[in-house]
N, C-alpha and C. Protein backbone atom coordinates (compact mmCIF):
# COMPACT_ATOMS: atom_id res chain seq x y z
N MET A 1 -4.64 -45.94 6.47
CA MET A 1 -5.27 -44.76 7.02
C MET A 1 -4.20 -43.86 7.66
N THR A 2 -4.34 -42.55 7.50
CA THR A 2 -3.39 -41.59 8.02
C THR A 2 -3.63 -41.35 9.50
N ASP A 3 -2.54 -41.11 10.23
CA ASP A 3 -2.62 -40.80 11.66
C ASP A 3 -3.27 -39.43 11.83
N PRO A 4 -4.40 -39.32 12.54
CA PRO A 4 -5.08 -38.04 12.71
C PRO A 4 -4.21 -36.99 13.40
N ALA A 5 -3.41 -37.38 14.38
CA ALA A 5 -2.55 -36.42 15.08
C ALA A 5 -1.51 -35.84 14.13
N ALA A 6 -0.93 -36.69 13.29
CA ALA A 6 0.07 -36.22 12.32
C ALA A 6 -0.59 -35.31 11.29
N ALA A 7 -1.80 -35.64 10.88
CA ALA A 7 -2.53 -34.81 9.92
C ALA A 7 -2.83 -33.44 10.52
N ARG A 8 -3.20 -33.40 11.81
CA ARG A 8 -3.47 -32.12 12.48
C ARG A 8 -2.20 -31.28 12.58
N ARG A 9 -1.08 -31.93 12.91
CA ARG A 9 0.19 -31.20 12.99
C ARG A 9 0.56 -30.61 11.63
N GLU A 10 0.42 -31.41 10.58
CA GLU A 10 0.72 -30.92 9.23
C GLU A 10 -0.20 -29.77 8.85
N LEU A 11 -1.46 -29.88 9.21
CA LEU A 11 -2.42 -28.81 8.94
C LEU A 11 -2.01 -27.53 9.67
N THR A 12 -1.60 -27.65 10.92
CA THR A 12 -1.16 -26.49 11.71
C THR A 12 0.07 -25.84 11.08
N VAL A 13 1.05 -26.66 10.70
CA VAL A 13 2.27 -26.13 10.09
C VAL A 13 1.94 -25.45 8.76
N ALA A 14 1.09 -26.06 7.96
CA ALA A 14 0.72 -25.47 6.67
C ALA A 14 0.01 -24.14 6.86
N ALA A 15 -0.88 -24.06 7.84
CA ALA A 15 -1.59 -22.82 8.12
C ALA A 15 -0.62 -21.74 8.60
N GLN A 16 0.35 -22.11 9.43
CA GLN A 16 1.36 -21.16 9.89
C GLN A 16 2.21 -20.66 8.72
N ASP A 17 2.53 -21.55 7.79
CA ASP A 17 3.29 -21.16 6.60
C ASP A 17 2.52 -20.14 5.77
N VAL A 18 1.22 -20.37 5.63
CA VAL A 18 0.39 -19.43 4.87
C VAL A 18 0.37 -18.07 5.55
N GLU A 19 0.19 -18.04 6.85
CA GLU A 19 0.17 -16.76 7.59
C GLU A 19 1.51 -16.04 7.48
N ALA A 20 2.61 -16.78 7.56
CA ALA A 20 3.93 -16.16 7.43
C ALA A 20 4.12 -15.58 6.03
N ALA A 21 3.65 -16.30 5.01
CA ALA A 21 3.76 -15.80 3.64
C ALA A 21 2.92 -14.54 3.45
N LYS A 22 1.74 -14.52 4.05
CA LYS A 22 0.89 -13.32 3.97
C LYS A 22 1.59 -12.13 4.61
N GLU A 23 2.21 -12.34 5.74
CA GLU A 23 2.90 -11.24 6.43
C GLU A 23 4.08 -10.74 5.60
N ARG A 24 4.83 -11.65 5.00
CA ARG A 24 5.93 -11.23 4.12
C ARG A 24 5.39 -10.42 2.95
N GLY A 25 4.26 -10.86 2.42
CA GLY A 25 3.64 -10.13 1.31
C GLY A 25 3.20 -8.74 1.73
N ARG A 26 2.58 -8.63 2.90
CA ARG A 26 2.15 -7.32 3.40
C ARG A 26 3.35 -6.40 3.60
N SER A 27 4.42 -6.95 4.13
CA SER A 27 5.63 -6.14 4.34
C SER A 27 6.21 -5.68 3.02
N ALA A 28 6.24 -6.56 2.03
CA ALA A 28 6.77 -6.21 0.72
C ALA A 28 5.91 -5.14 0.05
N VAL A 29 4.60 -5.26 0.17
CA VAL A 29 3.70 -4.27 -0.42
C VAL A 29 3.89 -2.92 0.27
N ALA A 30 4.00 -2.93 1.59
CA ALA A 30 4.20 -1.67 2.33
C ALA A 30 5.50 -1.00 1.92
N ALA A 31 6.56 -1.78 1.76
CA ALA A 31 7.85 -1.22 1.35
C ALA A 31 7.78 -0.65 -0.07
N ALA A 32 7.12 -1.37 -0.97
CA ALA A 32 6.99 -0.90 -2.35
C ALA A 32 6.14 0.37 -2.40
N ASP A 33 5.09 0.43 -1.60
CA ASP A 33 4.24 1.62 -1.56
C ASP A 33 5.02 2.82 -1.02
N GLU A 34 5.83 2.60 -0.01
CA GLU A 34 6.65 3.68 0.54
C GLU A 34 7.64 4.19 -0.51
N ARG A 35 8.23 3.28 -1.26
CA ARG A 35 9.17 3.67 -2.32
C ARG A 35 8.45 4.46 -3.41
N LEU A 36 7.24 4.03 -3.77
CA LEU A 36 6.46 4.74 -4.78
C LEU A 36 6.11 6.14 -4.31
N ARG A 37 5.68 6.27 -3.07
CA ARG A 37 5.34 7.59 -2.52
C ARG A 37 6.57 8.51 -2.53
N ALA A 38 7.72 7.97 -2.18
CA ALA A 38 8.95 8.77 -2.21
C ALA A 38 9.28 9.20 -3.63
N ALA A 39 9.07 8.31 -4.60
CA ALA A 39 9.34 8.64 -6.00
C ALA A 39 8.38 9.72 -6.49
N VAL A 40 7.12 9.64 -6.09
CA VAL A 40 6.15 10.67 -6.47
C VAL A 40 6.54 12.00 -5.84
N ASP A 41 6.92 11.98 -4.57
CA ASP A 41 7.35 13.21 -3.90
C ASP A 41 8.54 13.84 -4.63
N ALA A 42 9.51 13.01 -5.00
CA ALA A 42 10.69 13.51 -5.71
C ALA A 42 10.30 14.06 -7.08
N ALA A 43 9.40 13.39 -7.76
CA ALA A 43 8.95 13.86 -9.07
C ALA A 43 8.25 15.21 -8.94
N ARG A 44 7.40 15.34 -7.94
CA ARG A 44 6.70 16.62 -7.74
C ARG A 44 7.70 17.73 -7.42
N GLU A 45 8.68 17.44 -6.56
CA GLU A 45 9.69 18.44 -6.22
C GLU A 45 10.51 18.84 -7.44
N ALA A 46 10.64 17.92 -8.40
CA ALA A 46 11.38 18.20 -9.63
C ALA A 46 10.51 18.91 -10.67
N GLY A 47 9.23 19.12 -10.34
CA GLY A 47 8.35 19.85 -11.25
C GLY A 47 7.53 18.99 -12.18
N VAL A 48 7.52 17.69 -11.98
CA VAL A 48 6.71 16.80 -12.81
C VAL A 48 5.24 17.05 -12.47
N LEU A 49 4.42 17.20 -13.50
CA LEU A 49 3.00 17.50 -13.32
C LEU A 49 2.22 16.25 -12.92
N TRP A 50 1.09 16.47 -12.25
CA TRP A 50 0.25 15.36 -11.82
C TRP A 50 -0.21 14.52 -13.01
N GLY A 51 -0.46 15.16 -14.15
CA GLY A 51 -0.87 14.41 -15.34
C GLY A 51 0.20 13.44 -15.81
N GLU A 52 1.46 13.88 -15.76
CA GLU A 52 2.57 13.01 -16.14
C GLU A 52 2.73 11.86 -15.16
N ILE A 53 2.57 12.16 -13.88
CA ILE A 53 2.65 11.11 -12.86
C ILE A 53 1.55 10.10 -13.08
N GLY A 54 0.33 10.59 -13.31
CA GLY A 54 -0.79 9.70 -13.57
C GLY A 54 -0.56 8.83 -14.79
N ASP A 55 -0.07 9.43 -15.88
CA ASP A 55 0.21 8.66 -17.09
C ASP A 55 1.22 7.55 -16.82
N THR A 56 2.27 7.89 -16.09
CA THR A 56 3.31 6.91 -15.77
C THR A 56 2.76 5.76 -14.94
N LEU A 57 1.84 6.08 -14.04
CA LEU A 57 1.29 5.06 -13.14
C LEU A 57 0.03 4.40 -13.70
N GLY A 58 -0.40 4.80 -14.88
CA GLY A 58 -1.58 4.20 -15.49
C GLY A 58 -2.88 4.62 -14.84
N MET A 59 -2.92 5.87 -14.38
CA MET A 59 -4.15 6.39 -13.77
C MET A 59 -4.35 7.82 -14.23
N ARG A 60 -5.52 8.33 -13.97
CA ARG A 60 -5.81 9.71 -14.34
C ARG A 60 -5.11 10.67 -13.40
N ARG A 61 -4.91 11.89 -13.88
CA ARG A 61 -4.24 12.94 -13.11
C ARG A 61 -4.90 13.13 -11.75
N GLY A 62 -6.22 13.24 -11.73
CA GLY A 62 -6.94 13.46 -10.48
C GLY A 62 -6.78 12.30 -9.50
N ASN A 63 -6.75 11.08 -10.02
CA ASN A 63 -6.56 9.92 -9.14
C ASN A 63 -5.17 9.93 -8.54
N ALA A 64 -4.17 10.29 -9.34
CA ALA A 64 -2.80 10.37 -8.82
C ALA A 64 -2.73 11.44 -7.74
N TYR A 65 -3.35 12.57 -8.00
CA TYR A 65 -3.34 13.66 -7.02
C TYR A 65 -4.02 13.22 -5.72
N GLN A 66 -5.19 12.60 -5.84
CA GLN A 66 -5.90 12.17 -4.63
C GLN A 66 -5.11 11.15 -3.83
N ARG A 67 -4.45 10.24 -4.53
CA ARG A 67 -3.73 9.19 -3.83
C ARG A 67 -2.44 9.68 -3.18
N PHE A 68 -1.72 10.57 -3.85
CA PHE A 68 -0.37 10.89 -3.42
C PHE A 68 -0.16 12.28 -2.85
N ARG A 69 -1.17 13.14 -2.91
CA ARG A 69 -0.97 14.49 -2.37
C ARG A 69 -0.74 14.40 -0.87
N HIS A 70 -0.10 15.39 -0.35
CA HIS A 70 0.13 15.44 1.09
C HIS A 70 -1.10 16.01 1.76
N ARG A 71 -1.55 15.33 2.77
CA ARG A 71 -2.71 15.80 3.51
C ARG A 71 -2.25 16.26 4.88
N GLY A 72 -2.66 17.43 5.23
CA GLY A 72 -2.36 17.93 6.57
C GLY A 72 -3.34 17.34 7.56
N PRO A 73 -3.16 17.63 8.82
CA PRO A 73 -4.11 17.13 9.81
C PRO A 73 -5.48 17.76 9.59
N SER A 74 -6.51 16.97 9.77
CA SER A 74 -7.87 17.46 9.59
C SER A 74 -8.23 18.44 10.69
N LEU A 75 -9.12 19.33 10.35
CA LEU A 75 -9.63 20.25 11.35
C LEU A 75 -10.48 19.48 12.35
N PRO A 76 -10.44 19.84 13.63
CA PRO A 76 -11.25 19.12 14.61
C PRO A 76 -12.73 19.13 14.22
N GLY A 77 -13.33 17.96 14.23
CA GLY A 77 -14.75 17.84 13.94
C GLY A 77 -15.08 17.83 12.45
N ALA A 78 -14.11 18.04 11.58
CA ALA A 78 -14.38 18.06 10.15
C ALA A 78 -14.28 16.65 9.59
N LYS A 79 -15.24 16.31 8.70
CA LYS A 79 -15.18 15.00 8.06
C LYS A 79 -14.12 14.99 6.96
N HIS A 80 -14.02 16.08 6.24
CA HIS A 80 -13.06 16.17 5.13
C HIS A 80 -12.34 17.50 5.23
N ASN A 81 -11.08 17.49 4.92
CA ASN A 81 -10.32 18.73 4.89
C ASN A 81 -9.84 18.94 3.46
N ARG A 82 -10.67 19.56 2.65
CA ARG A 82 -10.39 19.76 1.23
C ARG A 82 -9.19 20.65 0.99
N PHE A 83 -8.88 21.51 1.93
CA PHE A 83 -7.88 22.53 1.69
C PHE A 83 -6.52 22.19 2.27
N ALA A 84 -6.34 20.95 2.71
CA ALA A 84 -5.05 20.53 3.29
C ALA A 84 -4.07 20.23 2.19
């Protein structure tokens, strides 16, 4: 029979390992997303059209625009700021 205290310690360590791996994953995703946004910004500044960006990313032009366009601060009390 296994020692319950040792099993609890192993369970705690394993759970901590999972949480640390999740955090590393979140950090990696955030860094990759930041790099992608910078690449989209550079492409737009170079004159690449939203349709081309969408094609490259495997999405429609409108989806690329919605995801990557720059949004200004919303107007006070407004739910959506379509014109930002």
